C-alpha cells in the first residue's frame, strides 16, 4: 500500500486541481455581490441517511482556500447520520466559504455514498472472517478520496494503483504465455529491481488454482467468477498456502454466500463505481 505521505500528496493534488477547475480566475458570482470583508457562517446539513464521510477532507479544503476559516465539527467521519443532522459549522470570510462550497459538497456526497455502501457489505459479512476490499475501478483523478471513503465505511483497500502490488490477471497470463511463466518472470523482475511487492494471481478455474499452487511466493489467489461450490473447492485446495480472494460480479445479495465459502477477502468494484450520492447541503446560518 502507499505511504501516508504519498496519500497526503494525492489529497493535496486533488484539492489544488479541483479548486483550479472550479474557481479559475475568480468566483465572479461572489466577487460581484459579497463584500470582500463580509463574514458569515454555514452549516453542513444532511438530507439523507447513511454513513457520513469527508469531514476531514472538507477541513483540508477550507484550510487550502483560506486558513482563516474555522470549522466546528459536530459529527465525525464514519458516524451514521439521518435527515436533519448537522455535521459541522464553518465560519469566516463569506467569499471563502462560497469558494469552497462546491468541492466540499461534491466530495462529501460521493464519499458518503461509498462509505454507506461499504458499510452495508461490512455488516453483511459480520460473523465471518471475510473482509471487503475495493478495486481500481475508481473515478479517474479522485481515487484517493474514494479509497479513503471505503476505509471510513469499514472496508479495506486493495492495492492503490499499479505500482504498489503485483496482480497477474488473465490478460497478463495470456500475453505472457501461461501462469507458471508469468509468476517466474515476475519473481525475477522483482528480484532484479529490488522490489518487495506482493504477488496476487488470478485463477479462472480449479486447474489454474492447482497450477498456481505449484509455484512458491504467491501472496494471494484471486478466485475470479467462481460459483459457490467451486469456490469452496478452491478454498479447500489452497488451504493455508496463501490468502484467498473472491471477485467477479459479487453483490450485496451474494456476498455472504461467498464469505461462507471461507475466503479471506471479497473484492467489489461496485463499492466505488455504482453508488448514488448522499444528499447534503451547505447552508448559510
Protein backbone atom coordinates (compact mmCIF):
# COMPACT_ATOMS: atom_id res chain seq x y z
CA UNK A 1 0.00 0.00 0.00
CA UNK A 2 1.05 3.62 -0.43
CA UNK A 3 2.53 5.52 2.49
CA UNK A 4 0.69 8.17 4.46
CA UNK A 5 2.98 10.77 2.89
CA UNK A 6 2.08 9.60 -0.63
CA UNK A 7 -1.61 9.55 0.27
CA UNK A 8 -1.49 13.10 1.58
CA UNK A 9 0.22 14.24 -1.61
CA UNK A 10 -2.64 12.68 -3.59
CA UNK A 11 -5.23 14.52 -1.48
CA UNK A 12 -3.36 17.83 -1.79
CA UNK A 13 -3.23 17.35 -5.56
CA UNK A 14 -6.96 16.61 -5.76
CA UNK A 15 -7.80 19.78 -3.82
CA UNK A 16 -5.48 22.03 -5.83
CA UNK A 17 -6.73 20.69 -9.16
CA UNK A 18 -10.40 20.86 -8.16
CA UNK A 19 -10.14 24.47 -6.99
CA UNK A 20 -8.26 25.36 -10.19
CA UNK A 21 -11.00 23.71 -12.24
CA UNK A 22 -13.89 25.32 -10.36
CA UNK A 23 -12.63 28.80 -9.50
CA UNK A 24 -10.40 29.64 -12.46
CA UNK A 25 -9.63 33.37 -12.44
CA UNK A 26 -12.19 34.04 -9.72
CA UNK A 27 -15.58 33.28 -8.20
CA UNK A 28 -17.21 36.18 -10.01
CA UNK A 29 -20.67 35.48 -8.56
CA UNK A 30 -19.36 36.09 -5.05
CA UNK A 31 -16.96 38.84 -6.06
CA UNK A 32 -19.85 40.71 -7.69
CA UNK A 33 -22.19 40.88 -4.71
CA UNK A 34 -20.39 39.86 -1.49
CA UNK A 35 -18.12 42.49 0.16
CA UNK A 36 -14.52 41.35 0.48
CA UNK A 37 -14.56 41.68 4.27
CA UNK A 38 -18.04 40.17 4.83
CA UNK A 39 -18.08 37.33 7.31
CA UNK A 40 -20.58 34.53 7.80
CA UNK A 41 -21.29 31.01 8.99
CA UNK A 42 -22.63 27.99 7.11
CA UNK A 43 -23.72 24.54 8.24
CA UNK A 44 -23.30 21.17 6.54
CA UNK A 45 -26.85 19.79 6.53
CA UNK A 46 -27.69 16.12 5.96
CA UNK A 47 -30.81 15.50 3.85
CA UNK A 48 -30.43 11.73 3.61
CA UNK A 49 -29.34 8.77 5.73
CA UNK A 50 -26.20 6.62 5.79
CA UNK A 51 -22.57 6.84 6.85
CA UNK A 52 -21.01 10.29 6.63
CA UNK A 53 -17.57 10.59 5.06
CA UNK A 54 -15.40 13.52 4.03
CA UNK A 55 -15.44 15.66 7.16
CA UNK A 56 -11.65 15.62 7.40
CA UNK A 57 -11.38 16.25 3.67
CA UNK A 58 -13.68 19.26 3.98
CA UNK A 59 -11.43 20.70 6.71
CA UNK A 60 -8.47 20.37 4.35
CA UNK A 61 -10.37 22.14 1.56
CA UNK A 62 -11.27 25.04 3.84
CA UNK A 63 -7.66 25.26 5.04
CA UNK A 64 -6.42 25.32 1.42
CA UNK A 65 -8.85 28.04 0.33
CA UNK A 66 -8.49 30.19 3.44
CA UNK A 67 -6.54 29.22 6.58
CA UNK A 68 -8.66 31.74 8.47
CA UNK A 69 -11.82 29.66 8.12
CA UNK A 70 -12.85 27.94 11.37
CA UNK A 71 -14.62 24.57 11.35
CA UNK A 72 -16.67 23.37 14.32
CA UNK A 73 -17.21 19.63 13.81
CA UNK A 74 -20.34 18.12 15.36
CA UNK A 75 -20.30 14.67 13.69
CA UNK A 76 -17.13 12.77 12.81
CA UNK A 77 -16.34 10.66 9.74
CA UNK A 78 -17.82 7.16 9.96
CA UNK A 79 -20.87 8.12 12.01
CA UNK A 80 -24.37 7.11 10.97
CA UNK A 81 -26.41 10.17 10.06
CA UNK A 82 -30.05 10.93 9.32
CA UNK A 83 -32.11 13.71 7.74
CA UNK A 84 -31.67 16.98 9.59
CA UNK A 85 -28.30 16.22 11.18
CA UNK A 86 -25.69 19.00 11.10
CA UNK A 87 -22.15 17.70 10.62
CA UNK A 88 -20.23 20.94 11.07
CA UNK A 89 -20.33 24.72 11.03
CA UNK A 90 -17.77 26.75 9.09
CA UNK A 91 -17.19 30.41 9.87
CA UNK A 92 -15.08 33.15 8.31
CA UNK A 93 -14.97 35.25 5.17
CA UNK A 94 -18.16 34.64 3.20
CA UNK A 95 -16.33 34.67 -0.14
CA UNK A 96 -14.02 31.90 1.09
CA UNK A 97 -16.92 29.74 2.26
CA UNK A 98 -18.63 30.12 -1.11
CA UNK A 99 -15.42 29.35 -3.00
CA UNK A 100 -15.07 26.10 -1.03
CA UNK A 101 -18.71 25.05 -1.13
CA UNK A 102 -18.98 23.02 -4.31
CA UNK A 103 -15.81 20.99 -3.85
CA UNK A 104 -16.76 20.16 -0.26
CA UNK A 105 -20.25 19.05 -1.28
CA UNK A 106 -19.23 17.11 -4.39
CA UNK A 107 -16.58 15.20 -2.47
CA UNK A 108 -18.61 14.55 0.67
CA UNK A 109 -21.70 13.43 -1.24
CA UNK A 110 -19.73 10.83 -3.16
CA UNK A 111 -17.52 9.78 -0.25
CA UNK A 112 -20.58 9.32 1.97
CA UNK A 113 -22.29 7.18 -0.66
CA UNK A 114 -19.22 4.94 -0.91
CA UNK A 115 -18.85 4.70 2.86
CA UNK A 116 -22.53 3.83 3.20
CA UNK A 117 -22.38 1.07 0.60
CA UNK A 118 -19.14 -0.31 2.03
CA UNK A 119 -20.70 -0.42 5.48
CA UNK A 120 -23.60 -2.46 4.10
CA UNK A 121 -21.12 -5.10 2.94
CA UNK A 122 -19.25 -4.97 6.25
CA UNK A 123 -22.44 -5.64 8.19
CA UNK A 124 -23.38 -8.49 5.83
CA UNK A 125 -20.05 -10.18 6.47
CA UNK A 126 -20.19 -9.94 10.27
CA UNK A 127 -19.51 -13.29 11.90
CA UNK A 128 -17.26 -14.47 9.07
CA UNK A 129 -13.51 -13.96 8.65
CA UNK A 130 -14.01 -12.29 5.28
CA UNK A 131 -13.06 -8.65 4.69
CA UNK A 132 -14.44 -6.45 1.92
CA UNK A 133 -11.95 -4.82 -0.47
CA UNK A 134 -12.25 -2.08 -3.03
CA UNK A 135 -10.64 -2.22 -6.51
CA UNK A 136 -9.02 0.13 -9.05
CA UNK A 137 -12.46 0.74 -10.60
CA UNK A 138 -12.47 4.29 -9.34
CA UNK A 139 -13.19 7.71 -10.81
CA UNK A 140 -10.04 8.96 -12.57
CA UNK A 141 -8.36 11.71 -10.61
CA UNK A 142 -10.09 11.14 -7.25
CA UNK A 143 -9.07 7.58 -6.39
CA UNK A 144 -7.59 8.66 -3.06
CA UNK A 145 -10.93 10.14 -1.98
CA UNK A 146 -12.88 7.03 -2.95
CA UNK A 147 -10.48 4.65 -1.25
CA UNK A 148 -10.47 6.88 1.83
CA UNK A 149 -14.27 6.58 1.88
CA UNK A 150 -14.06 2.77 1.74
CA UNK A 151 -11.88 2.82 4.86
CA UNK A 152 -14.29 5.16 6.62
CA UNK A 153 -17.11 2.72 5.81
CA UNK A 154 -15.20 -0.13 7.48
CA UNK A 155 -13.75 -1.77 4.38
CA UNK A 156 -10.15 -2.34 3.38
CA UNK A 157 -8.16 -1.02 0.45
CA UNK A 158 -6.82 -3.37 -2.20
CA UNK A 159 -3.68 -2.11 -3.94
CA UNK A 160 -3.83 1.63 -4.54
CA UNK A 161 -2.53 1.54 -8.10
CA UNK A 162 -0.35 -0.43 -10.50
CA UNK A 163 2.84 0.40 -8.63
CA UNK A 164 2.23 -0.91 -5.11
CA UNK A 165 1.32 -4.57 -5.70
CA UNK A 166 1.70 -7.18 -8.43
CA UNK A 167 -1.57 -8.54 -9.77
CA UNK A 168 -1.29 -11.12 -12.54
CA UNK A 169 -4.70 -11.23 -14.17
CA UNK A 170 -5.98 -13.23 -17.13
CA UNK A 171 -4.54 -10.86 -19.74
CA UNK A 172 -1.09 -10.82 -18.11
CA UNK A 173 -1.10 -14.61 -18.01
CA UNK A 174 -2.30 -14.97 -21.60
CA UNK A 175 0.08 -12.35 -23.01
CA UNK A 176 2.98 -13.86 -21.10
CA UNK A 177 2.26 -17.43 -22.15
CA UNK A 178 0.95 -19.12 -19.01
CA UNK A 179 0.65 -18.97 -15.25
CA UNK A 180 3.96 -20.56 -14.29
CA UNK A 181 5.90 -18.45 -16.77
CA UNK A 182 4.20 -15.27 -15.59
CA UNK A 183 4.97 -16.00 -11.93
CA UNK A 184 8.59 -16.93 -12.65
CA UNK A 185 9.23 -13.82 -14.74
CA UNK A 186 7.54 -11.64 -12.14
CA UNK A 187 9.71 -13.01 -9.36
CA UNK A 188 12.82 -12.48 -11.47
CA UNK A 189 11.73 -8.90 -12.24
CA UNK A 190 11.11 -8.13 -8.58
CA UNK A 191 14.49 -9.57 -7.62
CA UNK A 192 16.38 -7.70 -10.32
CA UNK A 193 14.74 -4.41 -9.36
CA UNK A 194 14.89 -4.94 -5.58
CA UNK A 195 11.13 -4.56 -5.24
CA UNK A 196 9.36 -6.14 -2.28
CA UNK A 197 5.91 -6.18 -3.85
CA UNK A 198 3.38 -8.88 -3.01
CA UNK A 199 2.06 -11.08 -5.81
CA UNK A 200 -1.61 -11.85 -6.44
CA UNK A 201 -2.51 -14.29 -9.21
CA UNK A 202 -5.94 -14.65 -10.77
CA UNK A 203 -7.42 -18.09 -11.40
CA UNK A 204 -10.27 -18.77 -13.81
CA UNK A 205 -10.87 -22.40 -12.87
CA UNK A 206 -9.74 -25.13 -10.48
CA UNK A 207 -6.99 -26.34 -12.82
CA UNK A 208 -5.44 -22.88 -12.72
CA UNK A 209 -5.67 -22.94 -8.92
CA UNK A 210 -3.66 -26.16 -8.93
CA UNK A 211 -1.03 -24.72 -11.24
CA UNK A 212 -0.64 -21.57 -9.13
CA UNK A 213 -0.11 -23.75 -6.07
CA UNK A 214 2.82 -25.47 -7.81
CA UNK A 215 4.67 -22.14 -7.59
CA UNK A 216 6.10 -20.51 -4.49
CA UNK A 217 5.92 -16.88 -3.46
CA UNK A 218 2.27 -16.14 -4.26
CA UNK A 219 0.69 -13.93 -1.59
CA UNK A 220 -2.95 -14.29 -2.60
CA UNK A 221 -5.00 -16.17 -5.18
CA UNK A 222 -7.85 -14.30 -6.84
CA UNK A 223 -10.72 -16.75 -7.29
CA UNK A 224 -12.46 -14.98 -10.15
CA UNK A 225 -16.06 -15.57 -11.24
CA UNK A 226 -16.37 -18.94 -9.49
CA UNK A 227 -19.71 -20.30 -8.32
CA UNK A 228 -20.19 -21.18 -4.65
CA UNK A 229 -19.34 -24.88 -4.96
CA UNK A 230 -16.15 -24.29 -6.93
CA UNK A 231 -15.17 -21.51 -4.52
CA UNK A 232 -15.43 -23.97 -1.63
CA UNK A 233 -13.28 -26.45 -3.58
CA UNK A 234 -10.73 -23.74 -4.35
CA UNK A 235 -10.50 -22.70 -0.70
CA UNK A 236 -10.00 -26.34 0.31
CA UNK A 237 -7.26 -26.79 -2.30
CA UNK A 238 -5.43 -23.63 -1.24
CA UNK A 239 -5.67 -24.29 2.49
CA UNK A 240 -3.08 -22.25 4.38
CA UNK A 241 -0.69 -21.95 1.42
CA UNK A 242 -1.75 -18.37 0.75
CA UNK A 243 -4.65 -15.98 1.17
CA UNK A 244 -7.83 -16.17 -0.91
CA UNK A 245 -9.98 -13.53 -2.57
CA UNK A 246 -13.30 -13.89 -4.36
CA UNK A 247 -14.25 -11.41 -7.07
CA UNK A 248 -16.39 -11.01 -10.15
CA UNK A 249 -19.90 -9.61 -10.01
CA UNK A 250 -20.34 -10.15 -6.28
CA UNK A 251 -23.31 -8.17 -4.96
CA UNK A 252 -24.99 -7.46 -1.65
CA UNK A 253 -27.22 -10.44 -2.39
CA UNK A 254 -24.34 -12.88 -2.94
CA UNK A 255 -21.51 -11.56 -0.72
CA UNK A 256 -22.50 -13.50 2.40
CA UNK A 257 -22.63 -16.78 0.44
CA UNK A 258 -19.08 -16.25 -0.85
CA UNK A 259 -17.87 -15.34 2.63
CA UNK A 260 -19.33 -18.58 3.95
CA UNK A 261 -17.18 -20.45 1.43
CA UNK A 262 -14.22 -19.45 3.61
CA UNK A 263 -12.42 -16.82 1.54
CA UNK A 264 -10.27 -14.24 3.29
CA UNK A 265 -11.38 -11.34 1.11
CA UNK A 266 -14.12 -10.30 -1.27
CA UNK A 267 -13.32 -7.50 -3.71
CA UNK A 268 -16.07 -5.42 -5.28
CA UNK A 269 -15.79 -2.67 -7.84
CA UNK A 270 -19.37 -1.72 -7.02
CA UNK A 271 -18.16 -0.01 -3.84
CA UNK A 272 -16.83 2.83 -5.95
CA UNK A 273 -18.39 2.59 -9.41
CA UNK A 274 -22.06 2.06 -8.55
CA UNK A 275 -23.23 4.44 -5.85
CA UNK A 276 -25.80 7.22 -5.55
CA UNK A 277 -24.58 10.40 -3.91
CA UNK A 278 -25.81 11.23 -0.42
CA UNK A 279 -27.92 14.39 -0.37
CA UNK A 280 -26.03 17.10 1.55
CA UNK A 281 -26.25 20.89 1.57
CA UNK A 282 -24.07 23.74 2.81
CA UNK A 283 -26.46 26.43 4.02
CA UNK A 284 -25.84 29.90 5.42
CA UNK A 285 -26.84 30.26 9.06
